[in-house]
C-alpha atoms as a PDB file:
ATOM      1  CA  MET A   1      -4.654   8.928  -0.278  1.00  0.00           C
ATOM      2  CA  THR A   2      -1.070  10.140   0.295  1.00  0.00           C
ATOM      3  CA  ILE A   3       0.929  10.705  -2.870  1.00  0.00           C
ATOM      4  CA  VAL A   4       3.825   8.219  -2.879  1.00  0.00           C
ATOM      5  CA  SER A   5       6.184   9.331  -5.641  1.00  0.00           C
ATOM      6  CA  ALA A   6       7.870   6.804  -7.919  1.00  0.00           C
ATOM      7  CA  GLN A   7      11.163   7.747  -6.250  1.00  0.00           C
ATOM      8  CA  ARG A   8       9.825   6.830  -2.782  1.00  0.00           C
ATOM      9  CA  ARG A   9       7.872   3.632  -3.573  1.00  0.00           C
ATOM     10  CA  GLY A  10      10.864   1.399  -2.872  1.00  0.00           C
ATOM     11  CA  ASN A  11      11.269   3.048   0.543  1.00  0.00           C
ATOM     12  CA  PHE A  12       7.560   2.587   1.255  1.00  0.00           C
ATOM     13  CA  LEU A  13       7.554  -1.092   0.328  1.00  0.00           C
ATOM     14  CA  GLY A  14      10.716  -1.592   2.407  1.00  0.00           C
ATOM     15  CA  VAL A  15       9.082  -0.087   5.497  1.00  0.00           C
ATOM     16  CA  VAL A  16       6.030  -2.332   5.091  1.00  0.00           C
ATOM     17  CA  ASP A  17       8.197  -5.402   4.361  1.00  0.00           C
ATOM     18  CA  ARG A  18      10.241  -4.883   7.551  1.00  0.00           C
ATOM     19  CA  TYR A  19       7.083  -4.387   9.627  1.00  0.00           C
ATOM     20  CA  TRP A  20       5.438  -7.504   8.210  1.00  0.00           C
ATOM     21  CA  ARG A  21       8.547  -9.648   8.835  1.00  0.00           C
ATOM     22  CA  LYS A  22       8.945  -8.218  12.366  1.00  0.00           C
ATOM     23  CA  SER A  23       5.284  -9.093  12.993  1.00  0.00           C
ATOM     24  CA  GLY A  24       5.869 -12.718  11.979  1.00  0.00           C
ATOM     25  CA  TYR A  25       4.197 -12.559   8.572  1.00  0.00           C
ATOM     26  CA  ARG A  26       5.473 -15.046   5.973  1.00  0.00           C
ATOM     27  CA  LEU A  27       6.245 -13.318   2.668  1.00  0.00           C
ATOM     28  CA  ARG A  28       4.565 -15.244  -0.143  1.00  0.00           C
ATOM     29  CA  GLU A  29       5.532 -13.118  -3.112  1.00  0.00           C
ATOM     30  CA  ILE A  30       7.215  -9.851  -4.005  1.00  0.00           C
ATOM     31  CA  ASN A  31       6.593  -8.297  -7.411  1.00  0.00           C
ATOM     32  CA  SER A  32       9.237  -5.652  -8.072  1.00  0.00           C
ATOM     33  CA  HIS A  33       7.679  -4.314 -11.276  1.00  0.00           C
ATOM     34  CA  ALA A  34       8.845  -0.713 -11.767  1.00  0.00           C
ATOM     35  CA  ASP A  35       5.367   0.765 -12.323  1.00  0.00           C
ATOM     36  CA  ALA A  36       3.193  -1.586 -10.246  1.00  0.00           C
ATOM     37  CA  PRO A  37       5.145  -3.192  -7.388  1.00  0.00           C
ATOM     38  CA  ALA A  38       3.300  -5.466  -4.981  1.00  0.00           C
ATOM     39  CA  MET A  39       3.899  -7.647  -1.915  1.00  0.00           C
ATOM     40  CA  TYR A  40       1.856 -10.522  -0.539  1.00  0.00           C
ATOM     41  CA  ALA A  41       2.224 -12.089   2.912  1.00  0.00           C
ATOM     42  CA  GLU A  42       0.391 -14.437   5.253  1.00  0.00           C
ATOM     43  CA  THR A  43      -0.131 -14.011   8.976  1.00  0.00           C
ATOM     44  CA  LYS A  44       0.238 -16.840  11.479  1.00  0.00           C
ATOM     45  CA  ASP A  45      -3.547 -17.123  11.739  1.00  0.00           C
ATOM     46  CA  GLY A  46      -4.107 -17.423   7.983  1.00  0.00           C
ATOM     47  CA  PHE A  47      -4.907 -13.890   6.867  1.00  0.00           C
ATOM     48  CA  VAL A  48      -3.381 -12.945   3.515  1.00  0.00           C
ATOM     49  CA  VAL A  49      -2.314  -9.311   3.284  1.00  0.00           C
ATOM     50  CA  SER A  50      -1.233  -7.489   0.168  1.00  0.00           C
ATOM     51  CA  LEU A  51       0.160  -4.113  -0.733  1.00  0.00           C
ATOM     52  CA  ILE A  52      -0.272  -3.117  -4.362  1.00  0.00           C
ATOM     53  CA  VAL A  53       0.860   0.096  -6.025  1.00  0.00           C
ATOM     54  CA  ALA A  54      -1.499   0.776  -8.912  1.00  0.00           C
ATOM     55  CA  ASP A  55      -2.033   3.492 -11.501  1.00  0.00           C
ATOM     56  CA  LYS A  56      -0.644   6.947 -10.602  1.00  0.00           C
ATOM     57  CA  GLY A  57       0.938   5.525  -7.424  1.00  0.00           C
ATOM     58  CA  GLN A  58      -2.386   4.674  -5.779  1.00  0.00           C
ATOM     59  CA  VAL A  59      -1.449   2.366  -2.874  1.00  0.00           C
ATOM     60  CA  HIS A  60      -3.868  -0.390  -1.867  1.00  0.00           C
ATOM     61  CA  PHE A  61      -3.747  -2.605   1.204  1.00  0.00           C
ATOM     62  CA  ASP A  62      -5.991  -5.645   0.980  1.00  0.00           C
ATOM     63  CA  VAL A  63      -6.686  -8.378   3.520  1.00  0.00           C
ATOM     64  CA  ASP A  64      -8.246 -11.752   2.772  1.00  0.00           C
ATOM     65  CA  SER A  65      -9.466 -13.593   5.831  1.00  0.00           C
ATOM     66  CA  PRO A  66      -9.565 -17.296   6.456  1.00  0.00           C
ATOM     67  CA  CYS A  67     -13.044 -18.755   6.898  1.00  0.00           C
ATOM     68  CA  VAL A  68     -14.820 -16.891   9.686  1.00  0.00           C
ATOM     69  CA  ARG A  69     -18.258 -16.670  11.203  1.00  0.00           C
ATOM     70  CA  GLU A  70     -20.377 -13.718  10.182  1.00  0.00           C
ATOM     71  CA  SER A  71     -20.486 -11.021  12.830  1.00  0.00           C
ATOM     72  CA  GLU A  72     -21.564  -7.417  13.220  1.00  0.00           C
ATOM     73  CA  VAL A  73     -19.127  -4.746  12.124  1.00  0.00           C
ATOM     74  CA  ALA A  74     -18.750  -1.487  14.032  1.00  0.00           C
ATOM     75  CA  ASP A  75     -19.223   1.813  12.223  1.00  0.00           C
ATOM     76  CA  PRO A  76     -15.976   3.541  11.200  1.00  0.00           C
ATOM     77  CA  VAL A  77     -14.471   5.857  13.800  1.00  0.00           C
ATOM     78  CA  ARG A  78     -13.085   8.309  11.193  1.00  0.00           C
ATOM     79  CA  ARG A  79     -14.453   9.851   8.037  1.00  0.00           C
ATOM     80  CA  ALA A  80     -12.921   8.782   4.728  1.00  0.00           C
ATOM     81  CA  THR A  81     -10.458  11.202   3.148  1.00  0.00           C
ATOM     82  CA  ALA A  82     -11.703  10.467  -0.381  1.00  0.00           C
ATOM     83  CA  PRO A  83     -15.131  10.478  -1.953  1.00  0.00           C
ATOM     84  CA  LEU A  84     -16.704   7.037  -1.675  1.00  0.00           C
ATOM     85  CA  ASP A  85     -19.499   7.436  -4.204  1.00  0.00           C
ATOM     86  CA  PRO A  86     -20.315   3.880  -5.363  1.00  0.00           C
ATOM     87  CA  GLU A  87     -21.686   5.324  -8.609  1.00  0.00           C
ATOM     88  CA  ALA A  88     -18.457   7.207  -9.391  1.00  0.00           C
ATOM     89  CA  GLU A  89     -16.800   6.205 -12.646  1.00  0.00           C
ATOM     90  CA  VAL A  90     -13.408   7.681 -11.791  1.00  0.00           C
ATOM     91  CA  ILE A  91     -11.078   6.041  -9.290  1.00  0.00           C
ATOM     92  CA  PRO A  92      -9.966   8.686  -6.776  1.00  0.00           C
ATOM     93  CA  ARG A  93      -6.268   9.464  -7.101  1.00  0.00           C
ATOM     94  CA  PRO A  94      -3.862  10.227  -4.271  1.00  0.00           C
ATOM     95  CA  ASN A  95      -4.177  13.904  -3.371  1.00  0.00           C
ATOM     96  CA  ILE A  96      -2.478  14.380   0.007  1.00  0.00           C
ATOM     97  CA  HIS A  97       1.082  15.728  -0.147  1.00  0.00           C
ATOM     98  CA  SER A  98       3.761  14.487   2.248  1.00  0.00           C
ATOM     99  CA  ASP A  99       7.133  16.221   2.358  1.00  0.00           C
ATOM    100  CA  PHE A 100       8.835  12.814   2.478  1.00  0.00           C
ATOM    101  CA  TRP A 101       6.591  10.284   0.676  1.00  0.00           C
ATOM    102  CA  SER A 102       5.644  12.649  -2.147  1.00  0.00           C
ATOM    103  CA  ALA A 103       9.199  13.904  -2.799  1.00  0.00           C
ATOM    104  CA  GLU A 104      10.418  13.457  -6.337  1.00  0.00           C
ATOM    105  CA  THR A 105      14.100  13.876  -5.556  1.00  0.00           C
ATOM    106  CA  PRO A 106      16.342  10.841  -6.067  1.00  0.00           C
ATOM    107  CA  GLU A 107      16.831   8.529  -3.114  1.00  0.00           C
ATOM    108  CA  VAL A 108      20.086   8.871  -1.181  1.00  0.00           C
ATOM    109  CA  GLY A 109      22.880   7.048  -3.005  1.00  0.00           C
ATOM    110  CA  VAL A 110      21.034   6.936  -6.340  1.00  0.00           C
ATOM    111  CA  THR A 111      22.671   8.816  -9.182  1.00  0.00           C
ATOM    112  CA  SER A 112      21.025  10.148 -12.312  1.00  0.00           C
ATOM    113  CA  GLY A 113      23.569   8.469 -14.587  1.00  0.00           C
ATOM    114  CA  ARG A 114      25.047  11.775 -15.846  1.00  0.00           C
END
């Protein structure tokens, strides 16, 4: 739910990309669309992970598992930071400010073209 400004999305995807590569994930695809960038990778044991930046900078991490046996799932250890009303018609938007990730100043080395 952290606000990741348009100016910081490239940094964010870079951090995740480096972590995934360091962890041995194989990058399958990188979509560098300006408004909706995304990355898709596969782990050594067949999980497919994705990071998608959607409307208003909402960041989603998704994981698709290889075939597995059904098992019990433990209750969450932390409360959600956003309302999780399944009947809600509005997608919750990022609402947590970070001095770094939410900054709207240009990245270092990027000029405004003036």
